[in-house]
Amino acid sequence: GNGNDTTLLLSLFSFCYFVGRLGGGAVPEYFVR
């Protein structure tokens, strides 16, 4: 039911994907040390 305009959904996923990649490097790096 999000309609045909999924621009915001795609932008949200893209940004969160970036946060996950960045955090997936920094957070485990802290705890592994």
PDB file of all heavy atoms in Angstrom:
ATOM      1  N   GLY A   1       0.775  -1.232   0.000  1.00  0.00           N
ATOM      2  CA  GLY A   1       0.000   0.000   0.000  1.00  0.00           C
ATOM      3  C   GLY A   1       0.799   1.270   0.000  1.00  0.00           C
ATOM      4  O   GLY A   1       0.287   2.330   0.371  1.00  0.00           O
ATOM      5  N   ASN A   2       2.070   1.194  -0.443  1.00  0.00           N
ATOM      6  CA  ASN A   2       2.895   2.400  -0.485  1.00  0.00           C
ATOM      7  C   ASN A   2       2.738   3.164  -1.794  1.00  0.00           C
ATOM      8  O   ASN A   2       3.399   4.168  -2.017  1.00  0.00           O
ATOM      9  CB  ASN A   2       4.364   2.028  -0.284  1.00  0.00           C
ATOM     10  CG  ASN A   2       5.219   3.232   0.078  1.00  0.00           C
ATOM     11  OD1 ASN A   2       4.891   3.986   0.972  1.00  0.00           O
ATOM     12  ND2 ASN A   2       6.314   3.405  -0.651  1.00  0.00           N
ATOM     13  N   GLY A   3       1.876   2.666  -2.682  1.00  0.00           N
ATOM     14  CA  GLY A   3       1.658   3.343  -3.958  1.00  0.00           C
ATOM     15  C   GLY A   3       2.794   3.110  -4.927  1.00  0.00           C
ATOM     16  O   GLY A   3       3.695   2.313  -4.690  1.00  0.00           O
ATOM     17  N   ASN A   4       2.767   3.828  -6.044  1.00  0.00           N
ATOM     18  CA  ASN A   4       3.795   3.659  -7.062  1.00  0.00           C
ATOM     19  C   ASN A   4       5.069   4.446  -6.764  1.00  0.00           C
ATOM     20  O   ASN A   4       6.112   4.194  -7.356  1.00  0.00           O
ATOM     21  CB  ASN A   4       3.247   4.091  -8.434  1.00  0.00           C
ATOM     22  CG  ASN A   4       2.177   3.144  -8.936  1.00  0.00           C
ATOM     23  OD1 ASN A   4       2.312   1.940  -8.817  1.00  0.00           O
ATOM     24  ND2 ASN A   4       1.107   3.699  -9.494  1.00  0.00           N
ATOM     25  N   ASP A   5       4.984   5.424  -5.853  1.00  0.00           N
ATOM     26  CA  ASP A   5       6.144   6.250  -5.546  1.00  0.00           C
ATOM     27  C   ASP A   5       6.943   5.601  -4.409  1.00  0.00           C
ATOM     28  O   ASP A   5       6.562   5.666  -3.243  1.00  0.00           O
ATOM     29  CB  ASP A   5       5.699   7.653  -5.141  1.00  0.00           C
ATOM     30  CG  ASP A   5       6.888   8.583  -4.932  1.00  0.00           C
ATOM     31  OD1 ASP A   5       8.010   8.184  -5.282  1.00  0.00           O
ATOM     32  OD2 ASP A   5       6.683   9.696  -4.418  1.00  0.00           O
ATOM     33  N   THR A   6       8.037   4.968  -4.753  1.00  0.00           N
ATOM     34  CA  THR A   6       8.860   4.292  -3.753  1.00  0.00           C
ATOM     35  C   THR A   6      10.192   5.008  -3.561  1.00  0.00           C
ATOM     36  O   THR A   6      11.143   4.424  -3.042  1.00  0.00           O
ATOM     37  CB  THR A   6       9.127   2.839  -4.181  1.00  0.00           C
ATOM     38  OG1 THR A   6       9.772   2.837  -5.462  1.00  0.00           O
ATOM     39  CG2 THR A   6       7.835   2.046  -4.260  1.00  0.00           C
ATOM     40  N   THR A   7      10.258   6.286  -3.982  1.00  0.00           N
ATOM     41  CA  THR A   7      11.516   7.030  -3.882  1.00  0.00           C
ATOM     42  C   THR A   7      12.002   7.118  -2.444  1.00  0.00           C
ATOM     43  O   THR A   7      13.170   6.853  -2.150  1.00  0.00           O
ATOM     44  CB  THR A   7      11.340   8.455  -4.440  1.00  0.00           C
ATOM     45  OG1 THR A   7      10.902   8.370  -5.793  1.00  0.00           O
ATOM     46  CG2 THR A   7      12.657   9.203  -4.387  1.00  0.00           C
ATOM     47  N   LEU A   8      11.096   7.460  -1.530  1.00  0.00           N
ATOM     48  CA  LEU A   8      11.485   7.588  -0.130  1.00  0.00           C
ATOM     49  C   LEU A   8      11.914   6.241   0.447  1.00  0.00           C
ATOM     50  O   LEU A   8      12.875   6.158   1.213  1.00  0.00           O
ATOM     51  CB  LEU A   8      10.329   8.165   0.690  1.00  0.00           C
ATOM     52  CG  LEU A   8      10.599   8.370   2.187  1.00  0.00           C
ATOM     53  CD1 LEU A   8      11.791   9.306   2.382  1.00  0.00           C
ATOM     54  CD2 LEU A   8       9.364   8.917   2.885  1.00  0.00           C
ATOM     55  N   LEU A   9      11.205   5.183   0.058  1.00  0.00           N
ATOM     56  CA  LEU A   9      11.549   3.847   0.540  1.00  0.00           C
ATOM     57  C   LEU A   9      12.943   3.440   0.078  1.00  0.00           C
ATOM     58  O   LEU A   9      13.739   2.900   0.847  1.00  0.00           O
ATOM     59  CB  LEU A   9      10.507   2.844   0.046  1.00  0.00           C
ATOM     60  CG  LEU A   9      10.374   1.520   0.818  1.00  0.00           C
ATOM     61  CD1 LEU A   9       9.946   1.777   2.249  1.00  0.00           C
ATOM     62  CD2 LEU A   9       9.385   0.602   0.113  1.00  0.00           C
ATOM     63  N   LEU A  10      13.235   3.722  -1.194  1.00  0.00           N
ATOM     64  CA  LEU A  10      14.552   3.398  -1.738  1.00  0.00           C
ATOM     65  C   LEU A  10      15.641   4.237  -1.078  1.00  0.00           C
ATOM     66  O   LEU A  10      16.732   3.732  -0.761  1.00  0.00           O
ATOM     67  CB  LEU A  10      14.555   3.616  -3.254  1.00  0.00           C
ATOM     68  CG  LEU A  10      13.708   2.632  -4.080  1.00  0.00           C
ATOM     69  CD1 LEU A  10      13.569   3.130  -5.514  1.00  0.00           C
ATOM     70  CD2 LEU A  10      14.320   1.246  -4.066  1.00  0.00           C
ATOM     71  N   SER A  11      15.369   5.515  -0.861  1.00  0.00           N
ATOM     72  CA  SER A  11      16.352   6.385  -0.217  1.00  0.00           C
ATOM     73  C   SER A  11      16.613   5.944   1.220  1.00  0.00           C
ATOM     74  O   SER A  11      17.751   5.958   1.688  1.00  0.00           O
ATOM     75  CB  SER A  11      15.864   7.840  -0.239  1.00  0.00           C
ATOM     76  OG  SER A  11      15.709   8.309  -1.557  1.00  0.00           O
ATOM     77  N   LEU A  12      15.539   5.551   1.914  1.00  0.00           N
ATOM     78  CA  LEU A  12      15.679   5.079   3.290  1.00  0.00           C
ATOM     79  C   LEU A  12      16.537   3.826   3.345  1.00  0.00           C
ATOM     80  O   LEU A  12      17.454   3.714   4.178  1.00  0.00           O
ATOM     81  CB  LEU A  12      14.294   4.797   3.877  1.00  0.00           C
ATOM     82  CG  LEU A  12      14.269   4.137   5.266  1.00  0.00           C
ATOM     83  CD1 LEU A  12      14.855   5.069   6.310  1.00  0.00           C
ATOM     84  CD2 LEU A  12      12.840   3.731   5.632  1.00  0.00           C
ATOM     85  N   PHE A  13      16.263   2.893   2.462  1.00  0.00           N
ATOM     86  CA  PHE A  13      17.043   1.656   2.447  1.00  0.00           C
ATOM     87  C   PHE A  13      18.508   1.941   2.126  1.00  0.00           C
ATOM     88  O   PHE A  13      19.411   1.384   2.759  1.00  0.00           O
ATOM     89  CB  PHE A  13      16.471   0.675   1.419  1.00  0.00           C
ATOM     90  CG  PHE A  13      17.202  -0.642   1.391  1.00  0.00           C
ATOM     91  CD1 PHE A  13      16.811  -1.679   2.225  1.00  0.00           C
ATOM     92  CD2 PHE A  13      18.290  -0.842   0.555  1.00  0.00           C
ATOM     93  CE1 PHE A  13      17.495  -2.888   2.210  1.00  0.00           C
ATOM     94  CE2 PHE A  13      18.978  -2.036   0.542  1.00  0.00           C
ATOM     95  CZ  PHE A  13      18.569  -3.071   1.371  1.00  0.00           C
ATOM     96  N   SER A  14      18.751   2.802   1.149  1.00  0.00           N
ATOM     97  CA  SER A  14      20.123   3.119   0.751  1.00  0.00           C
ATOM     98  C   SER A  14      20.911   3.724   1.909  1.00  0.00           C
ATOM     99  O   SER A  14      22.056   3.338   2.170  1.00  0.00           O
ATOM    100  CB  SER A  14      20.111   4.082  -0.444  1.00  0.00           C
ATOM    101  OG  SER A  14      21.422   4.460  -0.795  1.00  0.00           O
ATOM    102  N   PHE A  15      20.291   4.662   2.630  1.00  0.00           N
ATOM    103  CA  PHE A  15      20.996   5.298   3.742  1.00  0.00           C
ATOM    104  C   PHE A  15      21.248   4.306   4.873  1.00  0.00           C
ATOM    105  O   PHE A  15      22.346   4.267   5.447  1.00  0.00           O
ATOM    106  CB  PHE A  15      20.192   6.487   4.262  1.00  0.00           C
ATOM    107  CG  PHE A  15      20.822   7.162   5.446  1.00  0.00           C
ATOM    108  CD1 PHE A  15      21.960   7.936   5.295  1.00  0.00           C
ATOM    109  CD2 PHE A  15      20.284   7.007   6.714  1.00  0.00           C
ATOM    110  CE1 PHE A  15      22.554   8.554   6.393  1.00  0.00           C
ATOM    111  CE2 PHE A  15      20.864   7.616   7.809  1.00  0.00           C
ATOM    112  CZ  PHE A  15      22.007   8.395   7.645  1.00  0.00           C
ATOM    113  N   CYS A  16      20.243   3.500   5.210  1.00  0.00           N
ATOM    114  CA  CYS A  16      20.417   2.520   6.283  1.00  0.00           C
ATOM    115  C   CYS A  16      21.434   1.446   5.891  1.00  0.00           C
ATOM    116  O   CYS A  16      22.173   0.937   6.755  1.00  0.00           O
ATOM    117  CB  CYS A  16      19.068   1.875   6.617  1.00  0.00           C
ATOM    118  SG  CYS A  16      17.898   3.000   7.416  1.00  0.00           S
ATOM    119  N   TYR A  17      21.490   1.120   4.624  1.00  0.00           N
ATOM    120  CA  TYR A  17      22.485   0.173   4.122  1.00  0.00           C
ATOM    121  C   TYR A  17      23.888   0.728   4.336  1.00  0.00           C
ATOM    122  O   TYR A  17      24.811   0.018   4.769  1.00  0.00           O
ATOM    123  CB  TYR A  17      22.207  -0.065   2.637  1.00  0.00           C
ATOM    124  CG  TYR A  17      23.083  -1.090   1.958  1.00  0.00           C
ATOM    125  CD1 TYR A  17      23.456  -2.263   2.591  1.00  0.00           C
ATOM    126  CD2 TYR A  17      23.510  -0.889   0.640  1.00  0.00           C
ATOM    127  CE1 TYR A  17      24.240  -3.207   1.944  1.00  0.00           C
ATOM    128  CE2 TYR A  17      24.287  -1.819  -0.007  1.00  0.00           C
ATOM    129  CZ  TYR A  17      24.649  -2.972   0.639  1.00  0.00           C
ATOM    130  OH  TYR A  17      25.421  -3.907   0.005  1.00  0.00           O
ATOM    131  N   PHE A  18      24.056   2.018   4.069  1.00  0.00           N
ATOM    132  CA  PHE A  18      25.342   2.668   4.308  1.00  0.00           C
ATOM    133  C   PHE A  18      25.694   2.655   5.791  1.00  0.00           C
ATOM    134  O   PHE A  18      26.831   2.343   6.176  1.00  0.00           O
ATOM    135  CB  PHE A  18      25.295   4.107   3.787  1.00  0.00           C
ATOM    136  CG  PHE A  18      26.319   5.015   4.406  1.00  0.00           C
ATOM    137  CD1 PHE A  18      27.664   4.882   4.084  1.00  0.00           C
ATOM    138  CD2 PHE A  18      25.947   5.985   5.320  1.00  0.00           C
ATOM    139  CE1 PHE A  18      28.613   5.715   4.654  1.00  0.00           C
ATOM    140  CE2 PHE A  18      26.881   6.816   5.900  1.00  0.00           C
ATOM    141  CZ  PHE A  18      28.222   6.686   5.571  1.00  0.00           C
ATOM    142  N   VAL A  19      24.709   2.983   6.642  1.00  0.00           N
ATOM    143  CA  VAL A  19      24.959   2.978   8.089  1.00  0.00           C
ATOM    144  C   VAL A  19      25.365   1.586   8.557  1.00  0.00           C
ATOM    145  O   VAL A  19      26.269   1.429   9.387  1.00  0.00           O
ATOM    146  CB  VAL A  19      23.703   3.463   8.844  1.00  0.00           C
ATOM    147  CG1 VAL A  19      23.855   3.259  10.356  1.00  0.00           C
ATOM    148  CG2 VAL A  19      23.428   4.926   8.531  1.00  0.00           C
ATOM    149  N   GLY A  20      24.708   0.559   8.014  1.00  0.00           N
ATOM    150  CA  GLY A  20      25.048  -0.811   8.381  1.00  0.00           C
ATOM    151  C   GLY A  20      26.452  -1.191   7.976  1.00  0.00           C
ATOM    152  O   GLY A  20      27.181  -1.848   8.747  1.00  0.00           O
ATOM    153  N   ARG A  21      26.866  -0.781   6.802  1.00  0.00           N
ATOM    154  CA  ARG A  21      28.226  -1.091   6.353  1.00  0.00           C
ATOM    155  C   ARG A  21      29.260  -0.362   7.203  1.00  0.00           C
ATOM    156  O   ARG A  21      30.280  -0.946   7.587  1.00  0.00           O
ATOM    157  CB  ARG A  21      28.389  -0.707   4.880  1.00  0.00           C
ATOM    158  CG  ARG A  21      27.714  -1.673   3.918  1.00  0.00           C
ATOM    159  CD  ARG A  21      28.112  -1.379   2.484  1.00  0.00           C
ATOM    160  NE  ARG A  21      27.710  -2.462   1.590  1.00  0.00           N
ATOM    161  CZ  ARG A  21      28.107  -2.570   0.331  1.00  0.00           C
ATOM    162  NH1 ARG A  21      28.912  -1.643  -0.187  1.00  0.00           N
ATOM    163  NH2 ARG A  21      27.726  -3.576  -0.412  1.00  0.00           N
ATOM    164  N   LEU A  22      28.998   0.904   7.489  1.00  0.00           N
ATOM    165  CA  LEU A  22      29.950   1.670   8.290  1.00  0.00           C
ATOM    166  C   LEU A  22      29.993   1.157   9.729  1.00  0.00           C
ATOM    167  O   LEU A  22      31.066   0.924  10.292  1.00  0.00           O
ATOM    168  CB  LEU A  22      29.557   3.148   8.272  1.00  0.00           C
ATOM    169  CG  LEU A  22      30.621   4.151   8.730  1.00  0.00           C
ATOM    170  CD1 LEU A  22      31.806   4.141   7.788  1.00  0.00           C
ATOM    171  CD2 LEU A  22      30.025   5.548   8.816  1.00  0.00           C
ATOM    172  N   GLY A  23      28.818   0.960  10.311  1.00  0.00           N
ATOM    173  CA  GLY A  23      28.765   0.457  11.680  1.00  0.00           C
ATOM    174  C   GLY A  23      29.261  -0.967  11.800  1.00  0.00           C
ATOM    175  O   GLY A  23      29.837  -1.344  12.827  1.00  0.00           O
ATOM    176  N   GLY A  24      29.064  -1.764  10.747  1.00  0.00           N
ATOM    177  CA  GLY A  24      29.531  -3.139  10.757  1.00  0.00           C
ATOM    178  C   GLY A  24      31.041  -3.250  10.765  1.00  0.00           C
ATOM    179  O   GLY A  24      31.589  -4.321  11.068  1.00  0.00           O
ATOM    180  N   GLY A  25      31.717  -2.159  10.442  1.00  0.00           N
ATOM    181  CA  GLY A  25      33.167  -2.142  10.571  1.00  0.00           C
ATOM    182  C   GLY A  25      33.607  -1.602  11.903  1.00  0.00           C
ATOM    183  O   GLY A  25      34.489  -2.160  12.565  1.00  0.00           O
ATOM    184  N   ALA A  26      32.977  -0.513  12.355  1.00  0.00           N
ATOM    185  CA  ALA A  26      33.439   0.191  13.555  1.00  0.00           C
ATOM    186  C   ALA A  26      33.044  -0.510  14.849  1.00  0.00           C
ATOM    187  O   ALA A  26      33.875  -0.659  15.756  1.00  0.00           O
ATOM    188  CB  ALA A  26      32.900   1.621  13.543  1.00  0.00           C
ATOM    189  N   VAL A  27      31.785  -0.949  14.981  1.00  0.00           N
ATOM    190  CA  VAL A  27      31.322  -1.537  16.243  1.00  0.00           C
ATOM    191  C   VAL A  27      32.012  -2.866  16.548  1.00  0.00           C
ATOM    192  O   VAL A  27      32.553  -3.046  17.650  1.00  0.00           O
ATOM    193  CB  VAL A  27      29.780  -1.698  16.236  1.00  0.00           C
ATOM    194  CG1 VAL A  27      29.310  -2.429  17.491  1.00  0.00           C
ATOM    195  CG2 VAL A  27      29.110  -0.334  16.134  1.00  0.00           C
ATOM    196  N   PRO A  28      32.032  -3.837  15.619  1.00  0.00           N
ATOM    197  CA  PRO A  28      32.770  -5.068  15.916  1.00  0.00           C
ATOM    198  C   PRO A  28      34.260  -4.825  16.158  1.00  0.00           C
ATOM    199  O   PRO A  28      34.882  -5.555  16.939  1.00  0.00           O
ATOM    200  CB  PRO A  28      32.543  -5.924  14.660  1.00  0.00           C
ATOM    201  CG  PRO A  28      31.286  -5.406  14.071  1.00  0.00           C
ATOM    202  CD  PRO A  28      31.315  -3.931  14.337  1.00  0.00           C
ATOM    203  N   GLU A  29      34.825  -3.811  15.503  1.00  0.00           N
ATOM    204  CA  GLU A  29      36.245  -3.498  15.714  1.00  0.00           C
ATOM    205  C   GLU A  29      36.489  -3.123  17.174  1.00  0.00           C
ATOM    206  O   GLU A  29      37.505  -3.519  17.766  1.00  0.00           O
ATOM    207  CB  GLU A  29      36.665  -2.346  14.802  1.00  0.00           C
ATOM    208  CG  GLU A  29      38.151  -2.024  14.840  1.00  0.00           C
ATOM    209  CD  GLU A  29      38.983  -2.979  14.014  1.00  0.00           C
ATOM    210  OE1 GLU A  29      38.411  -3.769  13.238  1.00  0.00           O
ATOM    211  OE2 GLU A  29      40.213  -2.952  14.166  1.00  0.00           O
ATOM    212  N   TYR A  30      35.574  -2.376  17.760  1.00  0.00           N
ATOM    213  CA  TYR A  30      35.726  -1.984  19.167  1.00  0.00           C
ATOM    214  C   TYR A  30      35.637  -3.202  20.088  1.00  0.00           C
ATOM    215  O   TYR A  30      36.476  -3.391  20.978  1.00  0.00           O
ATOM    216  CB  TYR A  30      34.652  -0.965  19.539  1.00  0.00           C
ATOM    217  CG  TYR A  30      34.601  -0.666  21.018  1.00  0.00           C
ATOM    218  CD1 TYR A  30      35.523   0.197  21.613  1.00  0.00           C
ATOM    219  CD2 TYR A  30      33.632  -1.266  21.830  1.00  0.00           C
ATOM    220  CE1 TYR A  30      35.476   0.463  22.973  1.00  0.00           C
ATOM    221  CE2 TYR A  30      33.582  -1.011  23.189  1.00  0.00           C
ATOM    222  CZ  TYR A  30      34.506  -0.144  23.754  1.00  0.00           C
ATOM    223  OH  TYR A  30      34.472   0.103  25.106  1.00  0.00           O
ATOM    224  N   PHE A  31      34.637  -4.044  19.866  1.00  0.00           N
ATOM    225  CA  PHE A  31      34.425  -5.169  20.768  1.00  0.00           C
ATOM    226  C   PHE A  31      35.438  -6.293  20.562  1.00  0.00           C
ATOM    227  O   PHE A  31      35.713  -7.049  21.492  1.00  0.00           O
ATOM    228  CB  PHE A  31      32.996  -5.699  20.615  1.00  0.00           C
ATOM    229  CG  PHE A  31      31.973  -4.855  21.307  1.00  0.00           C
ATOM    230  CD1 PHE A  31      31.261  -3.890  20.608  1.00  0.00           C
ATOM    231  CD2 PHE A  31      31.741  -5.009  22.658  1.00  0.00           C
ATOM    232  CE1 PHE A  31      30.315  -3.101  21.258  1.00  0.00           C
ATOM    233  CE2 PHE A  31      30.803  -4.229  23.316  1.00  0.00           C
ATOM    234  CZ  PHE A  31      30.091  -3.267  22.612  1.00  0.00           C
ATOM    235  N   VAL A  32      35.969  -6.410  19.371  1.00  0.00           N
ATOM    236  CA  VAL A  32      36.978  -7.448  19.166  1.00  0.00           C
ATOM    237  C   VAL A  32      38.267  -7.090  19.896  1.00  0.00           C
ATOM    238  O   VAL A  32      39.031  -7.956  20.318  1.00  0.00           O
ATOM    239  CB  VAL A  32      37.232  -7.678  17.661  1.00  0.00           C
ATOM    240  CG1 VAL A  32      38.132  -6.608  17.068  1.00  0.00           C
ATOM    241  CG2 VAL A  32      37.878  -9.046  17.423  1.00  0.00           C
ATOM    242  N   ARG A  33      38.505  -5.787  20.086  1.00  0.00           N
ATOM    243  CA  ARG A  33      39.708  -5.347  20.784  1.00  0.00           C
ATOM    244  C   ARG A  33      39.499  -5.284  22.299  1.00  0.00           C
ATOM    245  O   ARG A  33      40.418  -5.593  23.060  1.00  0.00           O
ATOM    246  CB  ARG A  33      40.147  -3.981  20.259  1.00  0.00           C
ATOM    247  CG  ARG A  33      40.607  -4.023  18.820  1.00  0.00           C
ATOM    248  CD  ARG A  33      41.111  -2.688  18.322  1.00  0.00           C
ATOM    249  NE  ARG A  33      41.572  -2.818  16.949  1.00  0.00           N
ATOM    250  CZ  ARG A  33      42.744  -3.322  16.597  1.00  0.00           C
ATOM    251  NH1 ARG A  33      43.585  -3.729  17.517  1.00  0.00           N
ATOM    252  NH2 ARG A  33      43.081  -3.423  15.324  1.00  0.00           N
TER     253      ARG A  33
END
